[in-house]
Each structure stands twice: as structure tokens, then as C-alpha cells.
Amino acid sequence: MVINSLNGNVINSNQVYIHDDILEELSFNRLEKKIHLSLLTEDRSERFSIDFLNVIGFEMTSCDF
């Protein structure tokens, strides 16, 4: 799914709620300017991917609780 001004409201809905999902993969390709996320829903019933294109920067903090 490509998110644009016509369907951007789907991000602010219950259809896409990644807060409690399980992050399976995160990759950043600097040459292609792309971030790829693979997620599994909290109840493990559905798997999906999100790709961010034309990324101009990426910063990540990793905490070990």
C-alpha cells in the first residue's frame, strides 16, 4: 500500500497500529534510501511490512531493559 494524501487517514486508525506489534526485522539501505520494517501483530495472527522510500535520515536508539 502506498500512503498518500488520499488514504493517509489509514495511518491514524485501528487498521494500522504498530505500537504493540512485534518487530521482526528492521533494515536501512543508505544507498537505496530505504527503511524496511517487518512486523507481526501482537496476537501473531497477521504479518505485514512497511517500506519507507526516499529516506533522508535515520536515527535509532537501542535500550536493553
PDB file of N, CA and C in Angstrom:
ATOM      1  N   MET A   1       0.841  -1.175   0.000  1.00  0.00           N
ATOM      2  CA  MET A   1       0.000   0.000   0.000  1.00  0.00           C
ATOM      3  C   MET A   1       0.887   1.239   0.000  1.00  0.00           C
ATOM      4  N   VAL A   2       0.623   2.134  -0.871  1.00  0.00           N
ATOM      5  CA  VAL A   2       1.295   3.420  -0.898  1.00  0.00           C
ATOM      6  C   VAL A   2       0.422   4.411  -0.153  1.00  0.00           C
ATOM      7  N   ILE A   3       0.999   5.070   0.841  1.00  0.00           N
ATOM      8  CA  ILE A   3       0.245   6.039   1.629  1.00  0.00           C
ATOM      9  C   ILE A   3       0.485   7.421   1.042  1.00  0.00           C
ATOM     10  N   ASN A   4      -0.623   8.097   0.730  1.00  0.00           N
ATOM     11  CA  ASN A   4      -0.539   9.439   0.153  1.00  0.00           C
ATOM     12  C   ASN A   4      -1.644  10.303   0.759  1.00  0.00           C
ATOM     13  N   SER A   5      -1.885  11.468   0.190  1.00  0.00           N
ATOM     14  CA  SER A   5      -2.894  12.376   0.750  1.00  0.00           C
ATOM     15  C   SER A   5      -4.317  11.834   0.634  1.00  0.00           C
ATOM     16  N   LEU A   6      -4.548  10.886  -0.264  1.00  0.00           N
ATOM     17  CA  LEU A   6      -5.894  10.334  -0.431  1.00  0.00           C
ATOM     18  C   LEU A   6      -6.228   9.269   0.608  1.00  0.00           C
ATOM     19  N   ASN A   7      -5.224   8.517   1.069  1.00  0.00           N
ATOM     20  CA  ASN A   7      -5.514   7.449   2.021  1.00  0.00           C
ATOM     21  C   ASN A   7      -4.701   7.580   3.311  1.00  0.00           C
ATOM     22  N   GLY A   8      -4.102   8.726   3.557  1.00  0.00           N
ATOM     23  CA  GLY A   8      -3.260   8.941   4.726  1.00  0.00           C
ATOM     24  C   GLY A   8      -3.965   8.723   6.049  1.00  0.00           C
ATOM     25  N   ASN A   9      -5.285   8.820   6.071  1.00  0.00           N
ATOM     26  CA  ASN A   9      -6.040   8.629   7.311  1.00  0.00           C
ATOM     27  C   ASN A   9      -5.938   7.200   7.837  1.00  0.00           C
ATOM     28  N   VAL A  10      -5.552   6.232   7.007  1.00  0.00           N
ATOM     29  CA  VAL A  10      -5.436   4.847   7.462  1.00  0.00           C
ATOM     30  C   VAL A  10      -4.337   4.708   8.524  1.00  0.00           C
ATOM     31  N   ILE A  11      -3.324   5.567   8.495  1.00  0.00           N
ATOM     32  CA  ILE A  11      -2.259   5.519   9.484  1.00  0.00           C
ATOM     33  C   ILE A  11      -2.775   5.919  10.867  1.00  0.00           C
ATOM     34  N   ASN A  12      -3.760   6.770  10.919  1.00  0.00           N
ATOM     35  CA  ASN A  12      -4.324   7.230  12.188  1.00  0.00           C
ATOM     36  C   ASN A  12      -5.613   6.480  12.499  1.00  0.00           C
ATOM     37  N   SER A  13      -5.578   5.167  12.356  1.00  0.00           N
ATOM     38  CA  SER A  13      -6.771   4.354  12.590  1.00  0.00           C
ATOM     39  C   SER A  13      -6.377   3.041  13.247  1.00  0.00           C
ATOM     40  N   ASN A  14      -7.358   2.225  13.559  1.00  0.00           N
ATOM     41  CA  ASN A  14      -7.096   0.911  14.135  1.00  0.00           C
ATOM     42  C   ASN A  14      -6.624  -0.095  13.091  1.00  0.00           C
ATOM     43  N   GLN A  15      -6.708   0.240  11.810  1.00  0.00           N
ATOM     44  CA  GLN A  15      -6.231  -0.659  10.770  1.00  0.00           C
ATOM     45  C   GLN A  15      -4.721  -0.854  10.853  1.00  0.00           C
ATOM     46  N   VAL A  16      -4.018   0.203  11.194  1.00  0.00           N
ATOM     47  CA  VAL A  16      -2.565   0.149  11.318  1.00  0.00           C
ATOM     48  C   VAL A  16      -2.220   0.688  12.701  1.00  0.00           C
ATOM     49  N   TYR A  17      -1.832  -0.214  13.594  1.00  0.00           N
ATOM     50  CA  TYR A  17      -1.469   0.187  14.958  1.00  0.00           C
ATOM     51  C   TYR A  17      -0.251  -0.625  15.366  1.00  0.00           C
ATOM     52  N   ILE A  18       0.927  -0.065  15.125  1.00  0.00           N
ATOM     53  CA  ILE A  18       2.150  -0.840  15.310  1.00  0.00           C
ATOM     54  C   ILE A  18       2.732  -0.758  16.722  1.00  0.00           C
ATOM     55  N   HIS A  19       2.132   0.011  17.602  1.00  0.00           N
ATOM     56  CA  HIS A  19       2.697   0.217  18.932  1.00  0.00           C
ATOM     57  C   HIS A  19       2.937  -1.103  19.667  1.00  0.00           C
ATOM     58  N   ASP A  20       1.988  -2.010  19.647  1.00  0.00           N
ATOM     59  CA  ASP A  20       2.114  -3.277  20.378  1.00  0.00           C
ATOM     60  C   ASP A  20       2.520  -4.442  19.486  1.00  0.00           C
ATOM     61  N   ASP A  21       2.816  -4.179  18.229  1.00  0.00           N
ATOM     62  CA  ASP A  21       3.228  -5.257  17.331  1.00  0.00           C
ATOM     63  C   ASP A  21       4.656  -5.699  17.634  1.00  0.00           C
ATOM     64  N   ILE A  22       5.012  -6.840  17.100  1.00  0.00           N
ATOM     65  CA  ILE A  22       6.338  -7.419  17.311  1.00  0.00           C
ATOM     66  C   ILE A  22       7.207  -7.091  16.106  1.00  0.00           C
ATOM     67  N   LEU A  23       8.304  -6.403  16.347  1.00  0.00           N
ATOM     68  CA  LEU A  23       9.227  -6.047  15.272  1.00  0.00           C
ATOM     69  C   LEU A  23      10.094  -7.263  14.963  1.00  0.00           C
ATOM     70  N   GLU A  24       9.949  -7.797  13.758  1.00  0.00           N
ATOM     71  CA  GLU A  24      10.729  -8.964  13.351  1.00  0.00           C
ATOM     72  C   GLU A  24      12.006  -8.566  12.613  1.00  0.00           C
ATOM     73  N   GLU A  25      11.926  -7.496  11.841  1.00  0.00           N
ATOM     74  CA  GLU A  25      13.089  -7.078  11.059  1.00  0.00           C
ATOM     75  C   GLU A  25      13.049  -5.580  10.834  1.00  0.00           C
ATOM     76  N   LEU A  26      14.203  -4.954  10.906  1.00  0.00           N
ATOM     77  CA  LEU A  26      14.368  -3.557  10.554  1.00  0.00           C
ATOM     78  C   LEU A  26      15.666  -3.462   9.767  1.00  0.00           C
ATOM     79  N   SER A  27      15.575  -2.930   8.556  1.00  0.00           N
ATOM     80  CA  SER A  27      16.797  -2.754   7.769  1.00  0.00           C
ATOM     81  C   SER A  27      16.785  -1.377   7.126  1.00  0.00           C
ATOM     82  N   PHE A  28      17.974  -0.794   7.062  1.00  0.00           N
ATOM     83  CA  PHE A  28      18.155   0.521   6.447  1.00  0.00           C
ATOM     84  C   PHE A  28      19.184   0.383   5.348  1.00  0.00           C
ATOM     85  N   ASN A  29      18.793   0.711   4.123  1.00  0.00           N
ATOM     86  CA  ASN A  29      19.694   0.684   2.981  1.00  0.00           C
ATOM     87  C   ASN A  29      19.976   2.128   2.595  1.00  0.00           C
ATOM     88  N   ARG A  30      21.168   2.603   2.969  1.00  0.00           N
ATOM     89  CA  ARG A  30      21.514   4.003   2.737  1.00  0.00           C
ATOM     90  C   ARG A  30      21.622   4.325   1.246  1.00  0.00           C
ATOM     91  N   LEU A  31      22.161   3.385   0.448  1.00  0.00           N
ATOM     92  CA  LEU A  31      22.326   3.647  -0.984  1.00  0.00           C
ATOM     93  C   LEU A  31      20.981   3.766  -1.702  1.00  0.00           C
ATOM     94  N   GLU A  32      20.013   2.925  -1.314  1.00  0.00           N
ATOM     95  CA  GLU A  32      18.677   2.984  -1.927  1.00  0.00           C
ATOM     96  C   GLU A  32      17.762   3.966  -1.202  1.00  0.00           C
ATOM     97  N   LYS A  33      18.224   4.530  -0.076  1.00  0.00           N
ATOM     98  CA  LYS A  33      17.434   5.467   0.742  1.00  0.00           C
ATOM     99  C   LYS A  33      16.109   4.839   1.176  1.00  0.00           C
ATOM    100  N   LYS A  34      16.198   3.619   1.740  1.00  0.00           N
ATOM    101  CA  LYS A  34      15.002   2.853   2.060  1.00  0.00           C
ATOM    102  C   LYS A  34      15.120   2.214   3.446  1.00  0.00           C
ATOM    103  N   ILE A  35      14.034   2.304   4.227  1.00  0.00           N
ATOM    104  CA  ILE A  35      13.914   1.594   5.501  1.00  0.00           C
ATOM    105  C   ILE A  35      12.809   0.558   5.335  1.00  0.00           C
ATOM    106  N   HIS A  36      13.102  -0.657   5.770  1.00  0.00           N
ATOM    107  CA  HIS A  36      12.129  -1.754   5.671  1.00  0.00           C
ATOM    108  C   HIS A  36      11.835  -2.282   7.072  1.00  0.00           C
ATOM    109  N   LEU A  37      10.548  -2.378   7.425  1.00  0.00           N
ATOM    110  CA  LEU A  37      10.105  -2.961   8.691  1.00  0.00           C
ATOM    111  C   LEU A  37       9.250  -4.186   8.407  1.00  0.00           C
ATOM    112  N   SER A  38       9.501  -5.268   9.114  1.00  0.00           N
ATOM    113  CA  SER A  38       8.632  -6.451   9.080  1.00  0.00           C
ATOM    114  C   SER A  38       8.048  -6.607  10.474  1.00  0.00           C
ATOM    115  N   LEU A  39       6.726  -6.682  10.552  1.00  0.00           N
ATOM    116  CA  LEU A  39       6.038  -6.723  11.838  1.00  0.00           C
ATOM    117  C   LEU A  39       5.073  -7.900  11.912  1.00  0.00           C
ATOM    118  N   LEU A  40       4.871  -8.368  13.141  1.00  0.00           N
ATOM    119  CA  LEU A  40       3.907  -9.420  13.427  1.00  0.00           C
ATOM    120  C   LEU A  40       2.944  -8.845  14.452  1.00  0.00           C
ATOM    121  N   THR A  41       1.644  -9.005  14.241  1.00  0.00           N
ATOM    122  CA  THR A  41       0.677  -8.444  15.186  1.00  0.00           C
ATOM    123  C   THR A  41       0.849  -9.089  16.555  1.00  0.00           C
ATOM    124  N   GLU A  42       0.411  -8.376  17.580  1.00  0.00           N
ATOM    125  CA  GLU A  42       0.595  -8.840  18.962  1.00  0.00           C
ATOM    126  C   GLU A  42       0.016 -10.236  19.182  1.00  0.00           C
ATOM    127  N   ASP A  43      -1.111 -10.525  18.553  1.00  0.00           N
ATOM    128  CA  ASP A  43      -1.715 -11.851  18.707  1.00  0.00           C
ATOM    129  C   ASP A  43      -1.146 -12.883  17.714  1.00  0.00           C
ATOM    130  N   ARG A  44      -0.150 -12.454  16.934  1.00  0.00           N
ATOM    131  CA  ARG A  44       0.573 -13.303  15.972  1.00  0.00           C
ATOM    132  C   ARG A  44      -0.311 -13.852  14.851  1.00  0.00           C
ATOM    133  N   SER A  45      -1.413 -13.160  14.589  1.00  0.00           N
ATOM    134  CA  SER A  45      -2.339 -13.629  13.553  1.00  0.00           C
ATOM    135  C   SER A  45      -2.039 -13.056  12.172  1.00  0.00           C
ATOM    136  N   GLU A  46      -1.261 -11.981  12.123  1.00  0.00           N
ATOM    137  CA  GLU A  46      -1.024 -11.314  10.838  1.00  0.00           C
ATOM    138  C   GLU A  46       0.384 -10.751  10.787  1.00  0.00           C
ATOM    139  N   ARG A  47       1.015 -10.864   9.626  1.00  0.00           N
ATOM    140  CA  ARG A  47       2.370 -10.345   9.401  1.00  0.00           C
ATOM    141  C   ARG A  47       2.277  -9.317   8.275  1.00  0.00           C
ATOM    142  N   PHE A  48       2.993  -8.202   8.430  1.00  0.00           N
ATOM    143  CA  PHE A  48       2.989  -7.213   7.361  1.00  0.00           C
ATOM    144  C   PHE A  48       4.311  -6.465   7.331  1.00  0.00           C
ATOM    145  N   SER A  49       4.540  -5.737   6.244  1.00  0.00           N
ATOM    146  CA  SER A  49       5.769  -4.991   6.028  1.00  0.00           C
ATOM    147  C   SER A  49       5.452  -3.544   5.709  1.00  0.00           C
ATOM    148  N   ILE A  50       6.349  -2.661   6.106  1.00  0.00           N
ATOM    149  CA  ILE A  50       6.253  -1.244   5.780  1.00  0.00           C
ATOM    150  C   ILE A  50       7.586  -0.824   5.190  1.00  0.00           C
ATOM    151  N   ASP A  51       7.564  -0.177   4.055  1.00  0.00           N
ATOM    152  CA  ASP A  51       8.768   0.355   3.426  1.00  0.00           C
ATOM    153  C   ASP A  51       8.675   1.871   3.371  1.00  0.00           C
ATOM    154  N   PHE A  52       9.710   2.547   3.835  1.00  0.00           N
ATOM    155  CA  PHE A  52       9.816   3.993   3.748  1.00  0.00           C
ATOM    156  C   PHE A  52      10.796   4.294   2.618  1.00  0.00           C
ATOM    157  N   LEU A  53      10.365   5.057   1.630  1.00  0.00           N
ATOM    158  CA  LEU A  53      11.172   5.339   0.450  1.00  0.00           C
ATOM    159  C   LEU A  53      11.702   6.773   0.487  1.00  0.00           C
ATOM    160  N   ASN A  54      12.816   7.001  -0.187  1.00  0.00           N
ATOM    161  CA  ASN A  54      13.443   8.322  -0.261  1.00  0.00           C
ATOM    162  C   ASN A  54      13.758   8.892   1.119  1.00  0.00           C
ATOM    163  N   VAL A  55      14.280   8.045   2.003  1.00  0.00           N
ATOM    164  CA  VAL A  55      14.618   8.432   3.372  1.00  0.00           C
ATOM    165  C   VAL A  55      15.860   9.326   3.343  1.00  0.00           C
ATOM    166  N   ILE A  56      15.788  10.462   4.032  1.00  0.00           N
ATOM    167  CA  ILE A  56      16.939  11.374   4.033  1.00  0.00           C
ATOM    168  C   ILE A  56      17.748  11.266   5.321  1.00  0.00           C
ATOM    169  N   GLY A  57      17.247  10.547   6.327  1.00  0.00           N
ATOM    170  CA  GLY A  57      17.988  10.371   7.565  1.00  0.00           C
ATOM    171  C   GLY A  57      17.370   9.276   8.402  1.00  0.00           C
ATOM    172  N   PHE A  58      18.188   8.679   9.260  1.00  0.00           N
ATOM    173  CA  PHE A  58      17.707   7.598  10.114  1.00  0.00           C
ATOM    174  C   PHE A  58      18.508   7.613  11.405  1.00  0.00           C
ATOM    175  N   GLU A  59      17.829   7.612  12.538  1.00  0.00           N
ATOM    176  CA  GLU A  59      18.485   7.565  13.840  1.00  0.00           C
ATOM    177  C   GLU A  59      17.736   6.573  14.704  1.00  0.00           C
ATOM    178  N   MET A  60      18.466   5.754  15.443  1.00  0.00           N
ATOM    179  CA  MET A  60      17.820   4.735  16.255  1.00  0.00           C
ATOM    180  C   MET A  60      18.483   4.677  17.624  1.00  0.00           C
ATOM    181  N   THR A  61      17.679   4.506  18.663  1.00  0.00           N
ATOM    182  CA  THR A  61      18.180   4.289  20.000  1.00  0.00           C
ATOM    183  C   THR A  61      17.819   2.870  20.410  1.00  0.00           C
ATOM    184  N   SER A  62      18.759   2.152  20.922  1.00  0.00           N
ATOM    185  CA  SER A  62      18.528   0.774  21.358  1.00  0.00           C
ATOM    186  C   SER A  62      18.713   0.708  22.859  1.00  0.00           C
ATOM    187  N   CYS A  63      17.694   0.243  23.563  1.00  0.00           N
ATOM    188  CA  CYS A  63      17.749   0.139  25.008  1.00  0.00           C
ATOM    189  C   CYS A  63      17.686  -1.324  25.418  1.00  0.00           C
ATOM    190  N   ASP A  64      18.491  -1.699  26.397  1.00  0.00           N
ATOM    191  CA  ASP A  64      18.476  -3.055  26.921  1.00  0.00           C
ATOM    192  C   ASP A  64      17.899  -2.996  28.332  1.00  0.00           C
ATOM    193  N   PHE A  65      16.615  -3.289  28.454  1.00  0.00           N
ATOM    194  CA  PHE A  65      15.946  -3.194  29.753  1.00  0.00           C
ATOM    195  C   PHE A  65      16.197  -4.439  30.568  1.00  0.00           C
TER     196      PHE A  65
END
